[in-house]
């Protein structure tokens, strides 16, 4: 079977121009208004070129996210420790979760668009498959007795774009607070003995009253 033909040089250039223009619009805070017509104008290409290449807005959004995924994957597999190889397994898992917080906060508008376009797509994407496989391997090294695949899903569940956005906008959480929460979650997940759960009435005393008010966006300064 013959190999697939290589992408024409002009087609490759157009693809990069379109993705770069879309990324600039997202960075300028126009993610919610992102349209193929607007991207075509910003990239100085015909609208038909954008439609032929990406099909619809969802296709463009997922292409943008794939670019970010490839960069993140390279950092994890080839970058310096603790995110990259060479660090203690526990430190590497912690760095991985922290890096995912930065990525999720920085790209949250784009991730929300992807989630609204196709909610199940996150779990069948190459990026989630990579994140899950990496987390599973690290957890299995730390807890050979545990169901590493399930725990990996559990640790990745809080990265749902709508939850990250809610924590930033409604709860006013900063990226550092989210990372601290993941540290606590990771500590509890990796404990070999079952932790004693405090009674609800005692735990509630340590929490601020939930009066339904909207807090300032705690991640506003962390967007890319």
C-alpha atoms as a PDB file:
ATOM      1  CA  UNK A   1       0.000   0.000   0.000  1.00  0.00           C
ATOM      2  CA  UNK A   2       1.467   3.357  -1.023  1.00  0.00           C
ATOM      3  CA  UNK A   3       2.063   6.109   1.526  1.00  0.00           C
ATOM      4  CA  UNK A   4      -0.356   9.025   1.734  1.00  0.00           C
ATOM      5  CA  UNK A   5       0.753  11.953  -0.433  1.00  0.00           C
ATOM      6  CA  UNK A   6       2.641  14.677   1.382  1.00  0.00           C
ATOM      7  CA  UNK A   7       0.795  17.917   2.061  1.00  0.00           C
ATOM      8  CA  UNK A   8       1.455  20.531  -0.613  1.00  0.00           C
ATOM      9  CA  UNK A   9       3.717  23.352   0.532  1.00  0.00           C
ATOM     10  CA  UNK A  10       1.088  26.034  -0.159  1.00  0.00           C
ATOM     11  CA  UNK A  11      -1.589  24.032   1.679  1.00  0.00           C
ATOM     12  CA  UNK A  12       0.734  23.613   4.668  1.00  0.00           C
ATOM     13  CA  UNK A  13       1.470  27.344   4.689  1.00  0.00           C
ATOM     14  CA  UNK A  14      -2.233  28.169   4.568  1.00  0.00           C
ATOM     15  CA  UNK A  15      -2.928  25.780   7.417  1.00  0.00           C
ATOM     16  CA  UNK A  16      -0.313  27.452   9.601  1.00  0.00           C
ATOM     17  CA  UNK A  17      -1.579  30.927   8.672  1.00  0.00           C
ATOM     18  CA  UNK A  18      -5.124  29.939   9.615  1.00  0.00           C
ATOM     19  CA  UNK A  19      -4.106  28.364  12.911  1.00  0.00           C
ATOM     20  CA  UNK A  20      -1.880  31.333  13.792  1.00  0.00           C
ATOM     21  CA  UNK A  21      -4.713  33.774  13.033  1.00  0.00           C
ATOM     22  CA  UNK A  22      -7.183  31.748  15.096  1.00  0.00           C
ATOM     23  CA  UNK A  23      -4.712  31.583  17.985  1.00  0.00           C
ATOM     24  CA  UNK A  24      -4.293  35.378  17.884  1.00  0.00           C
ATOM     25  CA  UNK A  25      -8.063  35.878  18.023  1.00  0.00           C
ATOM     26  CA  UNK A  26      -8.352  33.507  20.977  1.00  0.00           C
ATOM     27  CA  UNK A  27      -5.455  35.221  22.780  1.00  0.00           C
ATOM     28  CA  UNK A  28      -7.202  38.564  22.248  1.00  0.00           C
ATOM     29  CA  UNK A  29     -10.260  37.244  24.087  1.00  0.00           C
ATOM     30  CA  UNK A  30     -12.398  36.534  21.032  1.00  0.00           C
ATOM     31  CA  UNK A  31     -12.769  32.779  21.549  1.00  0.00           C
ATOM     32  CA  UNK A  32     -16.548  32.930  22.057  1.00  0.00           C
ATOM     33  CA  UNK A  33     -16.960  34.921  18.835  1.00  0.00           C
ATOM     34  CA  UNK A  34     -14.554  32.745  16.855  1.00  0.00           C
ATOM     35  CA  UNK A  35     -15.972  32.105  13.393  1.00  0.00           C
ATOM     36  CA  UNK A  36     -14.458  30.717  10.220  1.00  0.00           C
ATOM     37  CA  UNK A  37     -15.267  33.962   8.367  1.00  0.00           C
ATOM     38  CA  UNK A  38     -13.418  36.031  10.974  1.00  0.00           C
ATOM     39  CA  UNK A  39     -10.461  33.675  10.956  1.00  0.00           C
ATOM     40  CA  UNK A  40     -10.290  33.791   7.168  1.00  0.00           C
ATOM     41  CA  UNK A  41     -10.140  37.598   7.250  1.00  0.00           C
ATOM     42  CA  UNK A  42      -7.446  37.572   9.938  1.00  0.00           C
ATOM     43  CA  UNK A  43      -5.405  34.986   8.011  1.00  0.00           C
ATOM     44  CA  UNK A  44      -5.919  36.784   4.675  1.00  0.00           C
ATOM     45  CA  UNK A  45      -7.186  33.641   2.959  1.00  0.00           C
ATOM     46  CA  UNK A  46     -10.477  32.764   1.332  1.00  0.00           C
ATOM     47  CA  UNK A  47     -13.337  31.530   3.486  1.00  0.00           C
ATOM     48  CA  UNK A  48     -13.572  28.460   1.276  1.00  0.00           C
ATOM     49  CA  UNK A  49      -9.971  27.584   2.119  1.00  0.00           C
ATOM     50  CA  UNK A  50     -10.795  27.559   5.837  1.00  0.00           C
ATOM     51  CA  UNK A  51     -13.939  25.476   5.322  1.00  0.00           C
ATOM     52  CA  UNK A  52     -12.163  22.956   3.107  1.00  0.00           C
ATOM     53  CA  UNK A  53      -9.351  22.560   5.613  1.00  0.00           C
ATOM     54  CA  UNK A  54     -11.331  22.425   8.892  1.00  0.00           C
ATOM     55  CA  UNK A  55     -14.975  21.856   7.949  1.00  0.00           C
ATOM     56  CA  UNK A  56     -16.541  23.885  10.758  1.00  0.00           C
ATOM     57  CA  UNK A  57     -15.679  25.795  13.907  1.00  0.00           C
ATOM     58  CA  UNK A  58     -15.380  22.622  15.961  1.00  0.00           C
ATOM     59  CA  UNK A  59     -12.800  21.266  13.526  1.00  0.00           C
ATOM     60  CA  UNK A  60     -10.773  24.457  13.829  1.00  0.00           C
ATOM     61  CA  UNK A  61     -10.991  24.444  17.616  1.00  0.00           C
ATOM     62  CA  UNK A  62      -9.799  20.837  17.855  1.00  0.00           C
ATOM     63  CA  UNK A  63      -6.945  21.593  15.450  1.00  0.00           C
ATOM     64  CA  UNK A  64      -5.829  24.461  17.710  1.00  0.00           C
ATOM     65  CA  UNK A  65      -6.003  22.220  20.762  1.00  0.00           C
ATOM     66  CA  UNK A  66      -4.019  19.535  18.945  1.00  0.00           C
ATOM     67  CA  UNK A  67      -1.207  22.039  18.394  1.00  0.00           C
ATOM     68  CA  UNK A  68      -1.104  22.719  22.141  1.00  0.00           C
ATOM     69  CA  UNK A  69      -1.285  18.997  22.893  1.00  0.00           C
ATOM     70  CA  UNK A  70       1.782  18.270  20.774  1.00  0.00           C
ATOM     71  CA  UNK A  71       3.782  20.942  22.601  1.00  0.00           C
ATOM     72  CA  UNK A  72       2.647  19.633  25.991  1.00  0.00           C
ATOM     73  CA  UNK A  73       3.412  16.038  25.025  1.00  0.00           C
ATOM     74  CA  UNK A  74       6.947  17.021  24.033  1.00  0.00           C
ATOM     75  CA  UNK A  75       7.488  18.737  27.384  1.00  0.00           C
ATOM     76  CA  UNK A  76       6.311  15.638  29.248  1.00  0.00           C
ATOM     77  CA  UNK A  77       8.310  13.125  27.225  1.00  0.00           C
ATOM     78  CA  UNK A  78      11.457  15.100  26.450  1.00  0.00           C
ATOM     79  CA  UNK A  79      11.521  18.195  28.643  1.00  0.00           C
ATOM     80  CA  UNK A  80      13.456  18.810  31.850  1.00  0.00           C
ATOM     81  CA  UNK A  81      12.374  17.310  35.187  1.00  0.00           C
ATOM     82  CA  UNK A  82      10.241  17.260  37.198  1.00  0.00           C
ATOM     83  CA  UNK A  83       7.682  17.305  34.357  1.00  0.00           C
ATOM     84  CA  UNK A  84      10.021  15.460  32.022  1.00  0.00           C
ATOM     85  CA  UNK A  85      12.033  12.282  32.636  1.00  0.00           C
ATOM     86  CA  UNK A  86      14.531  12.037  35.461  1.00  0.00           C
ATOM     87  CA  UNK A  87      12.498  13.082  38.494  1.00  0.00           C
ATOM     88  CA  UNK A  88      11.076  11.011  41.330  1.00  0.00           C
ATOM     89  CA  UNK A  89       7.785   9.407  40.247  1.00  0.00           C
ATOM     90  CA  UNK A  90       5.727  11.257  42.854  1.00  0.00           C
ATOM     91  CA  UNK A  91       7.311  14.599  41.945  1.00  0.00           C
ATOM     92  CA  UNK A  92       6.717  13.898  38.294  1.00  0.00           C
ATOM     93  CA  UNK A  93       3.028  13.128  38.807  1.00  0.00           C
ATOM     94  CA  UNK A  94       2.605  16.296  40.854  1.00  0.00           C
ATOM     95  CA  UNK A  95       4.380  18.376  38.184  1.00  0.00           C
ATOM     96  CA  UNK A  96       2.189  16.764  35.527  1.00  0.00           C
ATOM     97  CA  UNK A  97      -1.009  17.789  37.318  1.00  0.00           C
ATOM     98  CA  UNK A  98       0.316  21.303  37.943  1.00  0.00           C
ATOM     99  CA  UNK A  99       1.241  21.677  34.265  1.00  0.00           C
ATOM    100  CA  UNK A 100      -2.253  20.510  33.304  1.00  0.00           C
ATOM    101  CA  UNK A 101      -3.722  23.203  35.551  1.00  0.00           C
ATOM    102  CA  UNK A 102      -1.704  25.870  33.744  1.00  0.00           C
ATOM    103  CA  UNK A 103      -2.695  24.442  30.367  1.00  0.00           C
ATOM    104  CA  UNK A 104      -6.386  24.129  31.301  1.00  0.00           C
ATOM    105  CA  UNK A 105      -6.577  27.642  32.729  1.00  0.00           C
ATOM    106  CA  UNK A 106      -4.632  29.203  29.889  1.00  0.00           C
ATOM    107  CA  UNK A 107      -6.743  27.507  27.208  1.00  0.00           C
ATOM    108  CA  UNK A 108     -10.068  27.387  29.048  1.00  0.00           C
ATOM    109  CA  UNK A 109     -12.054  29.471  26.533  1.00  0.00           C
ATOM    110  CA  UNK A 110     -10.906  27.196  23.724  1.00  0.00           C
ATOM    111  CA  UNK A 111     -11.532  24.078  25.802  1.00  0.00           C
ATOM    112  CA  UNK A 112     -15.035  25.298  26.635  1.00  0.00           C
ATOM    113  CA  UNK A 113     -15.728  25.732  22.928  1.00  0.00           C
ATOM    114  CA  UNK A 114     -14.550  22.199  22.276  1.00  0.00           C
ATOM    115  CA  UNK A 115     -16.643  20.845  25.146  1.00  0.00           C
ATOM    116  CA  UNK A 116     -19.774  22.613  23.918  1.00  0.00           C
ATOM    117  CA  UNK A 117     -19.158  21.465  20.337  1.00  0.00           C
ATOM    118  CA  UNK A 118     -18.819  17.796  21.285  1.00  0.00           C
ATOM    119  CA  UNK A 119     -18.977  16.884  25.002  1.00  0.00           C
ATOM    120  CA  UNK A 120     -17.752  13.258  24.594  1.00  0.00           C
ATOM    121  CA  UNK A 121     -14.843  14.304  22.358  1.00  0.00           C
ATOM    122  CA  UNK A 122     -12.555  14.979  25.288  1.00  0.00           C
ATOM    123  CA  UNK A 123     -12.462  11.326  26.298  1.00  0.00           C
ATOM    124  CA  UNK A 124     -11.713   9.961  22.835  1.00  0.00           C
ATOM    125  CA  UNK A 125      -9.141  12.606  21.933  1.00  0.00           C
ATOM    126  CA  UNK A 126      -5.440  11.896  21.529  1.00  0.00           C
ATOM    127  CA  UNK A 127      -4.661  14.391  24.275  1.00  0.00           C
ATOM    128  CA  UNK A 128      -6.834  12.623  26.873  1.00  0.00           C
ATOM    129  CA  UNK A 129      -5.480   9.226  25.804  1.00  0.00           C
ATOM    130  CA  UNK A 130      -1.948  10.504  26.377  1.00  0.00           C
ATOM    131  CA  UNK A 131      -2.768  12.169  29.701  1.00  0.00           C
ATOM    132  CA  UNK A 132      -4.533   9.052  30.963  1.00  0.00           C
ATOM    133  CA  UNK A 133      -1.769   6.687  29.867  1.00  0.00           C
ATOM    134  CA  UNK A 134       0.923   8.854  31.455  1.00  0.00           C
ATOM    135  CA  UNK A 135      -0.960   9.266  34.743  1.00  0.00           C
ATOM    136  CA  UNK A 136      -1.791   5.541  34.831  1.00  0.00           C
ATOM    137  CA  UNK A 137       1.851   4.573  34.429  1.00  0.00           C
ATOM    138  CA  UNK A 138       3.019   6.922  37.185  1.00  0.00           C
ATOM    139  CA  UNK A 139       0.257   5.853  39.582  1.00  0.00           C
ATOM    140  CA  UNK A 140       1.039   2.171  38.925  1.00  0.00           C
ATOM    141  CA  UNK A 141       4.653   2.805  39.917  1.00  0.00           C
ATOM    142  CA  UNK A 142       3.573   4.542  43.125  1.00  0.00           C
ATOM    143  CA  UNK A 143       0.667   2.233  44.005  1.00  0.00           C
ATOM    144  CA  UNK A 144       1.133  -1.231  42.434  1.00  0.00           C
ATOM    145  CA  UNK A 145      -1.812  -2.437  44.533  1.00  0.00           C
ATOM    146  CA  UNK A 146      -4.257   0.151  43.180  1.00  0.00           C
ATOM    147  CA  UNK A 147      -6.497   0.344  40.124  1.00  0.00           C
ATOM    148  CA  UNK A 148      -4.231   2.816  38.371  1.00  0.00           C
ATOM    149  CA  UNK A 149      -6.462   3.274  35.321  1.00  0.00           C
ATOM    150  CA  UNK A 150      -9.457   4.222  37.477  1.00  0.00           C
ATOM    151  CA  UNK A 151      -7.408   6.553  39.664  1.00  0.00           C
ATOM    152  CA  UNK A 152      -6.003   8.235  36.559  1.00  0.00           C
ATOM    153  CA  UNK A 153      -9.554   8.981  35.379  1.00  0.00           C
ATOM    154  CA  UNK A 154     -10.390  10.264  38.866  1.00  0.00           C
ATOM    155  CA  UNK A 155      -7.409  12.627  38.909  1.00  0.00           C
ATOM    156  CA  UNK A 156      -8.177  13.914  35.418  1.00  0.00           C
ATOM    157  CA  UNK A 157     -11.919  14.382  36.016  1.00  0.00           C
ATOM    158  CA  UNK A 158     -11.513  17.818  37.715  1.00  0.00           C
ATOM    159  CA  UNK A 159      -9.953  19.126  34.500  1.00  0.00           C
ATOM    160  CA  UNK A 160     -13.371  19.230  32.837  1.00  0.00           C
ATOM    161  CA  UNK A 161     -13.361  22.658  31.128  1.00  0.00           C
ATOM    162  CA  UNK A 162     -16.722  23.698  32.583  1.00  0.00           C
ATOM    163  CA  UNK A 163     -15.520  22.903  36.118  1.00  0.00           C
ATOM    164  CA  UNK A 164     -12.222  24.761  35.691  1.00  0.00           C
ATOM    165  CA  UNK A 165     -14.117  27.745  34.317  1.00  0.00           C
ATOM    166  CA  UNK A 166     -16.610  27.628  37.210  1.00  0.00           C
ATOM    167  CA  UNK A 167     -13.793  27.519  39.756  1.00  0.00           C
ATOM    168  CA  UNK A 168     -12.100  30.494  38.132  1.00  0.00           C
ATOM    169  CA  UNK A 169     -15.132  32.666  37.448  1.00  0.00           C
ATOM    170  CA  UNK A 170     -17.683  31.798  40.133  1.00  0.00           C
ATOM    171  CA  UNK A 171     -15.439  30.700  42.994  1.00  0.00           C
ATOM    172  CA  UNK A 172     -12.562  33.044  42.270  1.00  0.00           C
ATOM    173  CA  UNK A 173      -9.958  30.294  42.541  1.00  0.00           C
ATOM    174  CA  UNK A 174      -6.468  31.179  41.370  1.00  0.00           C
ATOM    175  CA  UNK A 175      -4.312  28.628  39.508  1.00  0.00           C
ATOM    176  CA  UNK A 176      -2.216  28.252  42.664  1.00  0.00           C
ATOM    177  CA  UNK A 177      -5.262  27.385  44.731  1.00  0.00           C
ATOM    178  CA  UNK A 178      -6.337  24.795  42.169  1.00  0.00           C
ATOM    179  CA  UNK A 179      -2.830  23.300  42.231  1.00  0.00           C
ATOM    180  CA  UNK A 180      -2.939  23.167  46.025  1.00  0.00           C
ATOM    181  CA  UNK A 181      -6.239  21.325  45.808  1.00  0.00           C
ATOM    182  CA  UNK A 182      -4.693  18.806  43.446  1.00  0.00           C
ATOM    183  CA  UNK A 183      -1.815  18.314  45.894  1.00  0.00           C
ATOM    184  CA  UNK A 184      -4.346  17.371  48.574  1.00  0.00           C
ATOM    185  CA  UNK A 185      -6.259  15.147  46.172  1.00  0.00           C
ATOM    186  CA  UNK A 186      -3.055  13.441  45.073  1.00  0.00           C
ATOM    187  CA  UNK A 187      -1.949  12.888  48.670  1.00  0.00           C
ATOM    188  CA  UNK A 188      -5.278  11.264  49.513  1.00  0.00           C
ATOM    189  CA  UNK A 189      -5.292   9.194  46.342  1.00  0.00           C
ATOM    190  CA  UNK A 190      -1.867   7.722  47.008  1.00  0.00           C
ATOM    191  CA  UNK A 191      -2.460   6.846  50.659  1.00  0.00           C
ATOM    192  CA  UNK A 192      -2.364   3.085  51.146  1.00  0.00           C
ATOM    193  CA  UNK A 193      -4.626   3.157  54.206  1.00  0.00           C
ATOM    194  CA  UNK A 194      -8.156   4.514  54.121  1.00  0.00           C
ATOM    195  CA  UNK A 195      -8.343   7.979  55.567  1.00  0.00           C
ATOM    196  CA  UNK A 196     -10.806   8.811  58.329  1.00  0.00           C
ATOM    197  CA  UNK A 197     -13.486  11.101  56.926  1.00  0.00           C
ATOM    198  CA  UNK A 198     -14.467  13.943  59.196  1.00  0.00           C
ATOM    199  CA  UNK A 199     -18.197  14.300  59.949  1.00  0.00           C
ATOM    200  CA  UNK A 200     -19.983  16.616  57.582  1.00  0.00           C
ATOM    201  CA  UNK A 201     -20.960  19.001  60.326  1.00  0.00           C
ATOM    202  CA  UNK A 202     -17.326  19.405  61.383  1.00  0.00           C
ATOM    203  CA  UNK A 203     -16.071  19.808  57.844  1.00  0.00           C
ATOM    204  CA  UNK A 204     -18.710  22.425  57.082  1.00  0.00           C
ATOM    205  CA  UNK A 205     -17.363  24.705  59.812  1.00  0.00           C
ATOM    206  CA  UNK A 206     -14.108  25.031  57.917  1.00  0.00           C
ATOM    207  CA  UNK A 207     -15.819  26.099  54.696  1.00  0.00           C
ATOM    208  CA  UNK A 208     -17.003  29.614  53.806  1.00  0.00           C
ATOM    209  CA  UNK A 209     -20.755  30.045  53.579  1.00  0.00           C
ATOM    210  CA  UNK A 210     -22.053  29.484  50.053  1.00  0.00           C
ATOM    211  CA  UNK A 211     -24.367  32.438  49.542  1.00  0.00           C
ATOM    212  CA  UNK A 212     -24.485  32.097  45.766  1.00  0.00           C
ATOM    213  CA  UNK A 213     -22.540  35.299  45.168  1.00  0.00           C
ATOM    214  CA  UNK A 214     -20.229  35.496  42.174  1.00  0.00           C
ATOM    215  CA  UNK A 215     -16.552  35.952  43.026  1.00  0.00           C
ATOM    216  CA  UNK A 216     -13.945  37.723  40.944  1.00  0.00           C
ATOM    217  CA  UNK A 217     -12.340  35.606  38.251  1.00  0.00           C
ATOM    218  CA  UNK A 218      -9.325  34.141  40.070  1.00  0.00           C
ATOM    219  CA  UNK A 219      -7.679  32.984  36.833  1.00  0.00           C
ATOM    220  CA  UNK A 220      -8.114  36.209  34.875  1.00  0.00           C
ATOM    221  CA  UNK A 221      -4.399  36.987  34.953  1.00  0.00           C
ATOM    222  CA  UNK A 222      -3.383  33.463  34.018  1.00  0.00           C
ATOM    223  CA  UNK A 223      -4.969  33.347  30.566  1.00  0.00           C
ATOM    224  CA  UNK A 224      -2.706  32.991  27.572  1.00  0.00           C
END
